[in-house]
Amino acid sequence: MSPHDQLLSYIQALAPLTLAEFSKFKDQFVLLKVKRNEYLLREGEVCNFNLFVCSGALRMYHIGLEGQELTRYFAFENKFGTSLTSLIEGKPAIENIQAVEKSVVLRISKTDFLNLVETVPQVNLIYRNMLEQAYITSQKRIYDLQGKPAIERLKWLMNHKPGILNRIPSRLVASYLGITSYTLSRLKAEL
């Protein structure tokens, strides 16, 4: 399945969209092949795009005051990913977007995306879904993880993001959970 066909299937799972309707705007989604560890956005740059992951994985992360990496989100296949706050506010991002694996993504400019949100009901639904999922994910991470012991955080991750431990390096998973790599390694051995 081509990347654009994959995007069409994603949209059609949310709302009916014909191939003719899709063909009117599909070229606004530009194909990018991204190397492992390549950056698509660096902290301090304004995010003026949205990404649809066709294959591979991206991570959105921030460098804390003490130099530690704090991972906010992993975007896997058939997910959108962006620095949402920077995209919405038009201000410099406080996070980086980096490919964790060799990835294929479709990139659309903020201008084109927001125009589609206004003119194509199916894209409006995608944007609403993105915003809702970002909010829900944030809430779950805050309330399900905050103040919980490290073992409970790991169990939560295994329930909510199965397979992540097989795909993503442990140090990145640890940064997502807010624990050290050593603690994650120890806990994985206990389970």
N, C-alpha and C. Protein backbone atom coordinates (compact mmCIF):
# COMPACT_ATOMS: atom_id res chain seq x y z
N MET A 1 0.86 -1.19 0.00
CA MET A 1 0.00 0.00 0.00
C MET A 1 0.90 1.24 0.00
N SER A 2 0.61 2.17 -0.88
CA SER A 2 1.41 3.40 -0.95
C SER A 2 1.12 4.27 0.28
N PRO A 3 2.04 5.18 0.61
CA PRO A 3 1.80 6.08 1.75
C PRO A 3 0.50 6.89 1.62
N HIS A 4 0.21 7.37 0.42
CA HIS A 4 -1.03 8.15 0.25
C HIS A 4 -2.26 7.25 0.39
N ASP A 5 -2.18 6.00 -0.08
CA ASP A 5 -3.28 5.06 0.11
C ASP A 5 -3.48 4.78 1.60
N GLN A 6 -2.38 4.72 2.33
CA GLN A 6 -2.45 4.50 3.78
C GLN A 6 -3.17 5.67 4.46
N LEU A 7 -2.83 6.90 4.04
CA LEU A 7 -3.51 8.08 4.59
C LEU A 7 -4.99 8.05 4.24
N LEU A 8 -5.31 7.70 3.00
CA LEU A 8 -6.71 7.61 2.59
C LEU A 8 -7.46 6.60 3.47
N SER A 9 -6.87 5.45 3.71
CA SER A 9 -7.51 4.44 4.58
C SER A 9 -7.72 4.98 5.99
N TYR A 10 -6.73 5.70 6.49
CA TYR A 10 -6.85 6.30 7.82
C TYR A 10 -8.05 7.26 7.87
N ILE A 11 -8.14 8.12 6.86
CA ILE A 11 -9.24 9.09 6.82
C ILE A 11 -10.57 8.36 6.68
N GLN A 12 -10.64 7.38 5.79
CA GLN A 12 -11.89 6.66 5.55
C GLN A 12 -12.36 5.89 6.79
N ALA A 13 -11.44 5.54 7.67
CA ALA A 13 -11.84 4.87 8.92
C ALA A 13 -12.57 5.84 9.85
N LEU A 14 -12.33 7.13 9.66
CA LEU A 14 -13.00 8.14 10.48
C LEU A 14 -14.26 8.70 9.82
N ALA A 15 -14.21 8.85 8.49
CA ALA A 15 -15.33 9.44 7.78
C ALA A 15 -15.26 9.05 6.30
N PRO A 16 -16.41 8.93 5.64
CA PRO A 16 -16.42 8.58 4.22
C PRO A 16 -15.68 9.64 3.39
N LEU A 17 -14.84 9.18 2.48
CA LEU A 17 -14.12 10.06 1.58
C LEU A 17 -13.85 9.29 0.30
N THR A 18 -14.25 9.87 -0.83
CA THR A 18 -14.03 9.18 -2.10
C THR A 18 -12.60 9.43 -2.59
N LEU A 19 -12.17 8.59 -3.49
CA LEU A 19 -10.85 8.75 -4.10
C LEU A 19 -10.78 10.08 -4.85
N ALA A 20 -11.86 10.47 -5.50
CA ALA A 20 -11.89 11.75 -6.23
C ALA A 20 -11.73 12.93 -5.27
N GLU A 21 -12.40 12.87 -4.12
CA GLU A 21 -12.27 13.94 -3.12
C GLU A 21 -10.84 13.99 -2.58
N PHE A 22 -10.29 12.82 -2.30
CA PHE A 22 -8.94 12.73 -1.76
C PHE A 22 -7.90 13.25 -2.76
N SER A 23 -8.11 12.94 -4.03
CA SER A 23 -7.13 13.34 -5.05
C SER A 23 -7.01 14.86 -5.17
N LYS A 24 -8.02 15.60 -4.72
CA LYS A 24 -7.98 17.06 -4.78
C LYS A 24 -6.95 17.66 -3.83
N PHE A 25 -6.62 16.93 -2.75
CA PHE A 25 -5.68 17.50 -1.78
C PHE A 25 -4.52 16.58 -1.40
N LYS A 26 -4.48 15.37 -1.91
CA LYS A 26 -3.47 14.41 -1.46
C LYS A 26 -2.04 14.88 -1.75
N ASP A 27 -1.84 15.65 -2.81
CA ASP A 27 -0.49 16.11 -3.14
C ASP A 27 0.04 17.16 -2.17
N GLN A 28 -0.83 17.68 -1.31
CA GLN A 28 -0.36 18.61 -0.28
C GLN A 28 0.39 17.85 0.83
N PHE A 29 0.20 16.55 0.87
CA PHE A 29 0.93 15.68 1.80
C PHE A 29 2.17 15.16 1.07
N VAL A 30 3.32 15.69 1.41
CA VAL A 30 4.57 15.40 0.71
C VAL A 30 5.30 14.23 1.39
N LEU A 31 5.74 13.29 0.58
CA LEU A 31 6.44 12.11 1.08
C LEU A 31 7.86 12.46 1.51
N LEU A 32 8.21 12.02 2.72
CA LEU A 32 9.58 12.18 3.24
C LEU A 32 10.07 10.83 3.73
N LYS A 33 11.30 10.50 3.37
CA LYS A 33 11.96 9.32 3.92
C LYS A 33 12.98 9.83 4.91
N VAL A 34 12.86 9.37 6.14
CA VAL A 34 13.65 9.90 7.24
C VAL A 34 14.56 8.82 7.80
N LYS A 35 15.82 9.18 8.00
CA LYS A 35 16.79 8.24 8.56
C LYS A 35 16.59 8.12 10.07
N ARG A 36 17.00 6.99 10.60
CA ARG A 36 16.98 6.78 12.06
C ARG A 36 17.81 7.89 12.71
N ASN A 37 17.28 8.47 13.77
CA ASN A 37 17.87 9.55 14.56
C ASN A 37 17.85 10.92 13.87
N GLU A 38 17.27 11.01 12.68
CA GLU A 38 17.18 12.29 11.99
C GLU A 38 16.13 13.17 12.67
N TYR A 39 16.42 14.46 12.75
CA TYR A 39 15.49 15.41 13.35
C TYR A 39 14.60 16.03 12.28
N LEU A 40 13.32 16.14 12.60
CA LEU A 40 12.38 16.85 11.73
C LEU A 40 12.10 18.24 12.31
N LEU A 41 12.34 18.39 13.59
CA LEU A 41 12.15 19.67 14.27
C LEU A 41 13.09 19.71 15.47
N ARG A 42 13.71 20.84 15.68
CA ARG A 42 14.56 21.03 16.86
C ARG A 42 13.94 22.09 17.76
N GLU A 43 14.13 21.87 19.05
CA GLU A 43 13.64 22.82 20.04
C GLU A 43 14.10 24.23 19.66
N GLY A 44 13.19 25.20 19.72
CA GLY A 44 13.51 26.58 19.36
C GLY A 44 13.05 26.95 17.96
N GLU A 45 12.78 25.95 17.11
CA GLU A 45 12.25 26.23 15.78
C GLU A 45 10.72 26.27 15.87
N VAL A 46 10.10 27.04 15.01
CA VAL A 46 8.64 27.07 14.96
C VAL A 46 8.17 25.89 14.13
N CYS A 47 7.24 25.13 14.66
CA CYS A 47 6.69 23.98 13.94
C CYS A 47 5.60 24.48 13.01
N ASN A 48 5.83 24.32 11.71
CA ASN A 48 4.86 24.78 10.73
C ASN A 48 4.39 23.64 9.83
N PHE A 49 4.29 22.44 10.43
CA PHE A 49 3.88 21.27 9.66
C PHE A 49 3.23 20.23 10.57
N ASN A 50 2.56 19.30 9.91
CA ASN A 50 1.98 18.15 10.59
C ASN A 50 2.51 16.93 9.85
N LEU A 51 2.69 15.84 10.56
CA LEU A 51 3.27 14.62 9.99
C LEU A 51 2.33 13.45 10.18
N PHE A 52 2.20 12.64 9.14
CA PHE A 52 1.47 11.38 9.23
C PHE A 52 2.50 10.27 9.05
N VAL A 53 2.60 9.39 10.05
CA VAL A 53 3.60 8.33 10.01
C VAL A 53 3.05 7.13 9.23
N CYS A 54 3.72 6.80 8.15
CA CYS A 54 3.34 5.65 7.33
C CYS A 54 4.07 4.40 7.79
N SER A 55 5.34 4.55 8.12
CA SER A 55 6.12 3.45 8.69
C SER A 55 7.20 4.05 9.57
N GLY A 56 7.62 3.27 10.57
CA GLY A 56 8.64 3.76 11.49
C GLY A 56 8.04 4.36 12.74
N ALA A 57 8.81 5.20 13.38
CA ALA A 57 8.38 5.81 14.65
C ALA A 57 9.10 7.13 14.86
N LEU A 58 8.35 8.10 15.37
CA LEU A 58 8.89 9.40 15.74
C LEU A 58 8.72 9.60 17.23
N ARG A 59 9.58 10.40 17.81
CA ARG A 59 9.35 10.76 19.21
C ARG A 59 9.42 12.26 19.36
N MET A 60 8.60 12.76 20.29
CA MET A 60 8.59 14.17 20.62
C MET A 60 9.16 14.25 22.03
N TYR A 61 10.25 15.02 22.18
CA TYR A 61 10.88 15.08 23.49
C TYR A 61 11.50 16.45 23.74
N HIS A 62 11.75 16.70 25.01
CA HIS A 62 12.29 17.96 25.52
C HIS A 62 13.53 17.63 26.35
N ILE A 63 14.49 18.53 26.36
CA ILE A 63 15.67 18.37 27.23
C ILE A 63 15.40 19.19 28.50
N GLY A 64 15.38 18.50 29.66
CA GLY A 64 15.12 19.15 30.93
C GLY A 64 16.28 20.01 31.40
N LEU A 65 16.06 20.73 32.49
CA LEU A 65 17.08 21.65 33.03
C LEU A 65 18.37 20.95 33.39
N GLU A 66 18.28 19.70 33.79
CA GLU A 66 19.48 18.96 34.18
C GLU A 66 20.03 18.12 33.04
N GLY A 67 19.54 18.36 31.81
CA GLY A 67 20.05 17.67 30.64
C GLY A 67 19.38 16.33 30.34
N GLN A 68 18.39 15.97 31.13
CA GLN A 68 17.70 14.68 30.91
C GLN A 68 16.66 14.83 29.80
N GLU A 69 16.52 13.75 29.02
CA GLU A 69 15.52 13.73 27.96
C GLU A 69 14.17 13.34 28.54
N LEU A 70 13.15 14.12 28.21
CA LEU A 70 11.79 13.88 28.69
C LEU A 70 10.91 13.64 27.48
N THR A 71 10.57 12.38 27.22
CA THR A 71 9.78 12.04 26.05
C THR A 71 8.30 12.22 26.34
N ARG A 72 7.63 13.00 25.48
CA ARG A 72 6.20 13.26 25.62
C ARG A 72 5.36 12.24 24.87
N TYR A 73 5.82 11.85 23.66
CA TYR A 73 4.95 11.06 22.80
C TYR A 73 5.77 10.30 21.77
N PHE A 74 5.30 9.11 21.44
CA PHE A 74 5.81 8.34 20.31
C PHE A 74 4.70 8.25 19.28
N ALA A 75 5.00 8.58 18.04
CA ALA A 75 4.03 8.45 16.94
C ALA A 75 4.47 7.27 16.08
N PHE A 76 3.63 6.26 16.04
CA PHE A 76 3.90 5.07 15.24
C PHE A 76 3.04 5.11 13.98
N GLU A 77 3.05 4.01 13.22
CA GLU A 77 2.30 3.94 11.98
C GLU A 77 0.84 4.35 12.17
N ASN A 78 0.34 5.05 11.17
CA ASN A 78 -1.06 5.49 11.13
C ASN A 78 -1.43 6.43 12.26
N LYS A 79 -0.46 7.25 12.65
CA LYS A 79 -0.71 8.30 13.64
C LYS A 79 -0.13 9.60 13.12
N PHE A 80 -0.76 10.69 13.52
CA PHE A 80 -0.22 12.00 13.24
C PHE A 80 0.69 12.40 14.39
N GLY A 81 1.68 13.20 14.08
CA GLY A 81 2.58 13.71 15.11
C GLY A 81 3.05 15.10 14.73
N THR A 82 3.14 15.95 15.72
CA THR A 82 3.63 17.30 15.52
C THR A 82 3.94 17.89 16.89
N SER A 83 4.54 19.05 16.90
CA SER A 83 4.68 19.81 18.14
C SER A 83 3.45 20.69 18.21
N LEU A 84 2.40 20.15 18.79
CA LEU A 84 1.07 20.75 18.70
C LEU A 84 1.02 22.17 19.26
N THR A 85 1.67 22.42 20.39
CA THR A 85 1.64 23.76 20.98
C THR A 85 2.29 24.77 20.04
N SER A 86 3.44 24.43 19.50
CA SER A 86 4.12 25.32 18.56
C SER A 86 3.30 25.51 17.29
N LEU A 87 2.70 24.44 16.80
CA LEU A 87 1.87 24.51 15.60
C LEU A 87 0.70 25.47 15.81
N ILE A 88 0.03 25.33 16.94
CA ILE A 88 -1.16 26.15 17.22
C ILE A 88 -0.78 27.60 17.50
N GLU A 89 0.24 27.81 18.36
CA GLU A 89 0.60 29.17 18.78
C GLU A 89 1.51 29.90 17.79
N GLY A 90 2.20 29.14 16.93
CA GLY A 90 3.14 29.77 16.01
C GLY A 90 4.38 30.28 16.72
N LYS A 91 4.69 29.71 17.87
CA LYS A 91 5.86 30.11 18.66
C LYS A 91 6.90 29.00 18.62
N PRO A 92 8.16 29.31 18.98
CA PRO A 92 9.20 28.28 18.97
C PRO A 92 8.81 27.06 19.82
N ALA A 93 9.13 25.89 19.29
CA ALA A 93 8.81 24.64 19.96
C ALA A 93 9.69 24.46 21.19
N ILE A 94 9.13 23.83 22.20
CA ILE A 94 9.90 23.48 23.40
C ILE A 94 10.32 22.01 23.35
N GLU A 95 10.14 21.41 22.17
CA GLU A 95 10.49 20.00 22.04
C GLU A 95 11.09 19.74 20.66
N ASN A 96 11.68 18.57 20.55
CA ASN A 96 12.27 18.08 19.31
C ASN A 96 11.37 16.99 18.75
N ILE A 97 11.42 16.81 17.43
CA ILE A 97 10.79 15.66 16.80
C ILE A 97 11.91 14.91 16.09
N GLN A 98 12.10 13.65 16.49
CA GLN A 98 13.20 12.84 15.97
C GLN A 98 12.68 11.48 15.54
N ALA A 99 13.22 10.96 14.44
CA ALA A 99 12.87 9.61 14.02
C ALA A 99 13.62 8.62 14.91
N VAL A 100 12.89 7.71 15.51
CA VAL A 100 13.48 6.68 16.36
C VAL A 100 13.90 5.50 15.49
N GLU A 101 13.19 5.32 14.41
CA GLU A 101 13.48 4.27 13.43
C GLU A 101 13.53 4.93 12.05
N LYS A 102 14.09 4.24 11.08
CA LYS A 102 13.98 4.67 9.70
C LYS A 102 12.48 4.79 9.43
N SER A 103 12.05 5.92 8.91
CA SER A 103 10.61 6.19 8.81
C SER A 103 10.23 6.77 7.46
N VAL A 104 8.98 6.54 7.10
CA VAL A 104 8.37 7.18 5.95
C VAL A 104 7.19 7.97 6.49
N VAL A 105 7.17 9.26 6.20
CA VAL A 105 6.10 10.13 6.69
C VAL A 105 5.54 10.97 5.55
N LEU A 106 4.32 11.42 5.73
CA LEU A 106 3.72 12.41 4.85
C LEU A 106 3.67 13.71 5.63
N ARG A 107 4.21 14.75 5.04
CA ARG A 107 4.30 16.05 5.70
C ARG A 107 3.40 17.03 4.97
N ILE A 108 2.62 17.78 5.76
CA ILE A 108 1.77 18.83 5.21
C ILE A 108 2.05 20.12 5.96
N SER A 109 2.12 21.21 5.23
CA SER A 109 2.39 22.50 5.87
C SER A 109 1.20 22.90 6.75
N LYS A 110 1.50 23.72 7.73
CA LYS A 110 0.45 24.22 8.62
C LYS A 110 -0.62 24.96 7.82
N THR A 111 -0.19 25.81 6.89
CA THR A 111 -1.13 26.58 6.08
C THR A 111 -2.07 25.67 5.30
N ASP A 112 -1.48 24.68 4.62
CA ASP A 112 -2.31 23.76 3.83
C ASP A 112 -3.21 22.93 4.73
N PHE A 113 -2.67 22.47 5.85
CA PHE A 113 -3.47 21.64 6.76
C PHE A 113 -4.66 22.43 7.31
N LEU A 114 -4.40 23.64 7.79
CA LEU A 114 -5.50 24.43 8.36
C LEU A 114 -6.52 24.83 7.30
N ASN A 115 -6.06 25.04 6.07
CA ASN A 115 -7.00 25.30 4.98
C ASN A 115 -7.90 24.09 4.76
N LEU A 116 -7.31 22.89 4.79
CA LEU A 116 -8.11 21.67 4.63
C LEU A 116 -9.07 21.48 5.81
N VAL A 117 -8.62 21.83 7.00
CA VAL A 117 -9.49 21.73 8.18
C VAL A 117 -10.74 22.59 7.97
N GLU A 118 -10.56 23.75 7.35
CA GLU A 118 -11.68 24.67 7.12
C GLU A 118 -12.57 24.26 5.94
N THR A 119 -12.00 23.55 4.96
CA THR A 119 -12.75 23.30 3.73
C THR A 119 -13.14 21.84 3.49
N VAL A 120 -12.49 20.90 4.17
CA VAL A 120 -12.77 19.48 3.95
C VAL A 120 -13.24 18.87 5.28
N PRO A 121 -14.53 18.55 5.39
CA PRO A 121 -15.05 18.05 6.67
C PRO A 121 -14.28 16.85 7.23
N GLN A 122 -13.79 15.97 6.36
CA GLN A 122 -13.07 14.80 6.83
C GLN A 122 -11.74 15.19 7.49
N VAL A 123 -11.07 16.20 6.96
CA VAL A 123 -9.82 16.67 7.55
C VAL A 123 -10.11 17.41 8.84
N ASN A 124 -11.22 18.13 8.89
CA ASN A 124 -11.64 18.76 10.13
C ASN A 124 -11.83 17.71 11.21
N LEU A 125 -12.41 16.59 10.84
CA LEU A 125 -12.61 15.49 11.78
C LEU A 125 -11.27 14.91 12.24
N ILE A 126 -10.30 14.81 11.33
CA ILE A 126 -8.96 14.33 11.70
C ILE A 126 -8.35 15.27 12.73
N TYR A 127 -8.44 16.57 12.48
CA TYR A 127 -7.85 17.56 13.39
C TYR A 127 -8.53 17.48 14.76
N ARG A 128 -9.82 17.40 14.76
CA ARG A 128 -10.54 17.27 16.03
C ARG A 128 -10.12 16.00 16.76
N ASN A 129 -9.99 14.90 16.01
CA ASN A 129 -9.55 13.64 16.59
C ASN A 129 -8.13 13.77 17.16
N MET A 130 -7.25 14.45 16.43
CA MET A 130 -5.88 14.68 16.92
C MET A 130 -5.89 15.44 18.24
N LEU A 131 -6.66 16.51 18.29
CA LEU A 131 -6.73 17.33 19.50
C LEU A 131 -7.31 16.53 20.67
N GLU A 132 -8.37 15.79 20.40
CA GLU A 132 -8.99 14.97 21.45
C GLU A 132 -8.03 13.91 21.96
N GLN A 133 -7.36 13.21 21.03
CA GLN A 133 -6.43 12.16 21.44
C GLN A 133 -5.24 12.73 22.20
N ALA A 134 -4.75 13.90 21.79
CA ALA A 134 -3.64 14.54 22.51
C ALA A 134 -4.06 14.87 23.94
N TYR A 135 -5.26 15.37 24.09
CA TYR A 135 -5.76 15.71 25.42
C TYR A 135 -5.94 14.45 26.27
N ILE A 136 -6.58 13.45 25.70
CA ILE A 136 -6.82 12.21 26.44
C ILE A 136 -5.50 11.55 26.84
N THR A 137 -4.55 11.50 25.90
CA THR A 137 -3.25 10.89 26.19
C THR A 137 -2.55 11.64 27.31
N SER A 138 -2.59 12.97 27.25
CA SER A 138 -1.96 13.78 28.30
C SER A 138 -2.61 13.52 29.66
N GLN A 139 -3.92 13.51 29.67
CA GLN A 139 -4.64 13.28 30.93
C GLN A 139 -4.32 11.90 31.51
N LYS A 140 -4.35 10.89 30.66
CA LYS A 140 -4.06 9.53 31.14
C LYS A 140 -2.64 9.43 31.68
N ARG A 141 -1.69 10.02 30.95
CA ARG A 141 -0.30 9.95 31.42
C ARG A 141 -0.15 10.67 32.75
N ILE A 142 -0.77 11.82 32.88
CA ILE A 142 -0.65 12.58 34.13
C ILE A 142 -1.29 11.81 35.29
N TYR A 143 -2.53 11.42 35.11
CA TYR A 143 -3.25 10.82 36.23
C TYR A 143 -2.93 9.35 36.45
N ASP A 144 -2.56 8.63 35.39
CA ASP A 144 -2.23 7.22 35.56
C ASP A 144 -0.79 7.01 36.01
N LEU A 145 0.08 7.98 35.76
CA LEU A 145 1.49 7.77 36.07
C LEU A 145 2.01 8.62 37.23
N GLN A 146 1.47 9.82 37.38
CA GLN A 146 2.00 10.74 38.37
C GLN A 146 1.93 10.14 39.77
N GLY A 147 3.06 10.09 40.42
CA GLY A 147 3.11 9.61 41.79
C GLY A 147 3.05 8.09 41.94
N LYS A 148 2.98 7.37 40.84
CA LYS A 148 2.92 5.90 40.92
C LYS A 148 4.33 5.34 40.97
N PRO A 149 4.47 4.19 41.62
CA PRO A 149 5.79 3.54 41.62
C PRO A 149 6.19 3.15 40.20
N ALA A 150 7.48 3.03 39.99
CA ALA A 150 8.02 2.74 38.65
C ALA A 150 7.43 1.45 38.07
N ILE A 151 7.22 0.44 38.88
CA ILE A 151 6.67 -0.83 38.39
C ILE A 151 5.26 -0.63 37.85
N GLU A 152 4.47 0.23 38.49
CA GLU A 152 3.11 0.53 38.02
C GLU A 152 3.14 1.31 36.71
N ARG A 153 4.12 2.20 36.56
CA ARG A 153 4.26 2.94 35.31
C ARG A 153 4.57 1.98 34.16
N LEU A 154 5.45 1.03 34.43
CA LEU A 154 5.81 0.05 33.40
C LEU A 154 4.61 -0.82 33.04
N LYS A 155 3.85 -1.24 34.03
CA LYS A 155 2.65 -2.05 33.75
C LYS A 155 1.64 -1.24 32.93
N TRP A 156 1.49 0.02 33.27
CA TRP A 156 0.59 0.90 32.52
C TRP A 156 1.02 0.96 31.06
N LEU A 157 2.32 1.15 30.85
CA LEU A 157 2.84 1.23 29.48
C LEU A 157 2.58 -0.06 28.72
N MET A 158 2.81 -1.19 29.35
CA MET A 158 2.62 -2.48 28.68
C MET A 158 1.14 -2.70 28.33
N ASN A 159 0.23 -2.16 29.14
CA ASN A 159 -1.20 -2.28 28.85
C ASN A 159 -1.66 -1.31 27.78
N HIS A 160 -1.13 -0.09 27.79
CA HIS A 160 -1.61 0.96 26.89
C HIS A 160 -0.82 1.06 25.58
N LYS A 161 0.39 0.59 25.57
CA LYS A 161 1.22 0.66 24.36
C LYS A 161 1.96 -0.67 24.20
N PRO A 162 1.22 -1.75 23.97
CA PRO A 162 1.87 -3.06 23.85
C PRO A 162 2.85 -3.09 22.69
N GLY A 163 3.95 -3.75 22.89
CA GLY A 163 4.95 -3.87 21.84
C GLY A 163 6.00 -2.78 21.84
N ILE A 164 5.78 -1.71 22.60
CA ILE A 164 6.72 -0.59 22.58
C ILE A 164 8.10 -1.01 23.08
N LEU A 165 8.15 -1.93 24.03
CA LEU A 165 9.43 -2.36 24.59
C LEU A 165 10.25 -3.14 23.56
N ASN A 166 9.59 -3.73 22.58
CA ASN A 166 10.31 -4.47 21.53
C ASN A 166 10.82 -3.57 20.41
N ARG A 167 10.26 -2.37 20.30
CA ARG A 167 10.60 -1.48 19.18
C ARG A 167 11.49 -0.31 19.56
N ILE A 168 11.29 0.19 20.75
CA ILE A 168 11.94 1.44 21.14
C ILE A 168 13.07 1.15 22.13
N PRO A 169 14.24 1.77 21.94
CA PRO A 169 15.34 1.56 22.88
C PRO A 169 14.92 1.87 24.33
N SER A 170 15.44 1.07 25.23
CA SER A 170 15.06 1.18 26.64
C SER A 170 15.28 2.58 27.21
N ARG A 171 16.36 3.24 26.82
CA ARG A 171 16.62 4.58 27.39
C ARG A 171 15.52 5.57 26.99
N LEU A 172 14.92 5.38 25.80
CA LEU A 172 13.85 6.27 25.37
C LEU A 172 12.54 5.93 26.08
N VAL A 173 12.29 4.65 26.27
CA VAL A 173 11.11 4.23 27.03
C VAL A 173 11.22 4.75 28.46
N ALA A 174 12.40 4.65 29.04
CA ALA A 174 12.61 5.15 30.40
C ALA A 174 12.33 6.64 30.47
N SER A 175 12.75 7.41 29.45
CA SER A 175 12.50 8.85 29.46
C SER A 175 11.01 9.15 29.33
N TYR A 176 10.27 8.29 28.65
CA TYR A 176 8.82 8.43 28.53
C TYR A 176 8.14 8.17 29.88
N LEU A 177 8.67 7.19 30.61
CA LEU A 177 8.09 6.83 31.91
C LEU A 177 8.60 7.69 33.07
N GLY A 178 9.64 8.46 32.82
CA GLY A 178 10.20 9.30 33.88
C GLY A 178 11.01 8.51 34.89
N ILE A 179 11.68 7.47 34.41
CA ILE A 179 12.54 6.66 35.27
C ILE A 179 13.90 6.51 34.59
N THR A 180 14.87 5.96 35.31
CA THR A 180 16.19 5.76 34.72
C THR A 180 16.21 4.48 33.90
N SER A 181 17.17 4.39 33.00
CA SER A 181 17.33 3.17 32.20
C SER A 181 17.64 1.98 33.09
N TYR A 182 18.42 2.21 34.13
CA TYR A 182 18.76 1.14 35.06
C TYR A 182 17.49 0.59 35.73
N THR A 183 16.63 1.50 36.19
CA THR A 183 15.38 1.07 36.85
C THR A 183 14.52 0.29 35.87
N LEU A 184 14.41 0.76 34.64
CA LEU A 184 13.60 0.05 33.65
C LEU A 184 14.16 -1.35 33.40
N SER A 185 15.45 -1.45 33.27
CA SER A 185 16.09 -2.76 33.03
C SER A 185 15.80 -3.72 34.19
N ARG A 186 15.92 -3.22 35.40
CA ARG A 186 15.67 -4.02 36.60
C ARG A 186 14.21 -4.49 36.65
N LEU A 187 13.29 -3.57 36.34
CA LEU A 187 11.85 -3.89 36.39
C LEU A 187 11.46 -4.90 35.31
N LYS A 188 12.04 -4.75 34.13
CA LYS A 188 11.75 -5.71 33.04
C LYS A 188 12.20 -7.11 33.44
N ALA A 189 13.29 -7.20 34.16
CA ALA A 189 13.79 -8.51 34.61
C ALA A 189 12.85 -9.12 35.66
N GLU A 190 12.18 -8.27 36.44
CA GLU A 190 11.26 -8.76 37.47
C GLU A 190 9.94 -9.27 36.91
N LEU A 191 9.53 -8.72 35.77
CA LEU A 191 8.22 -9.08 35.20
C LEU A 191 8.26 -10.40 34.47
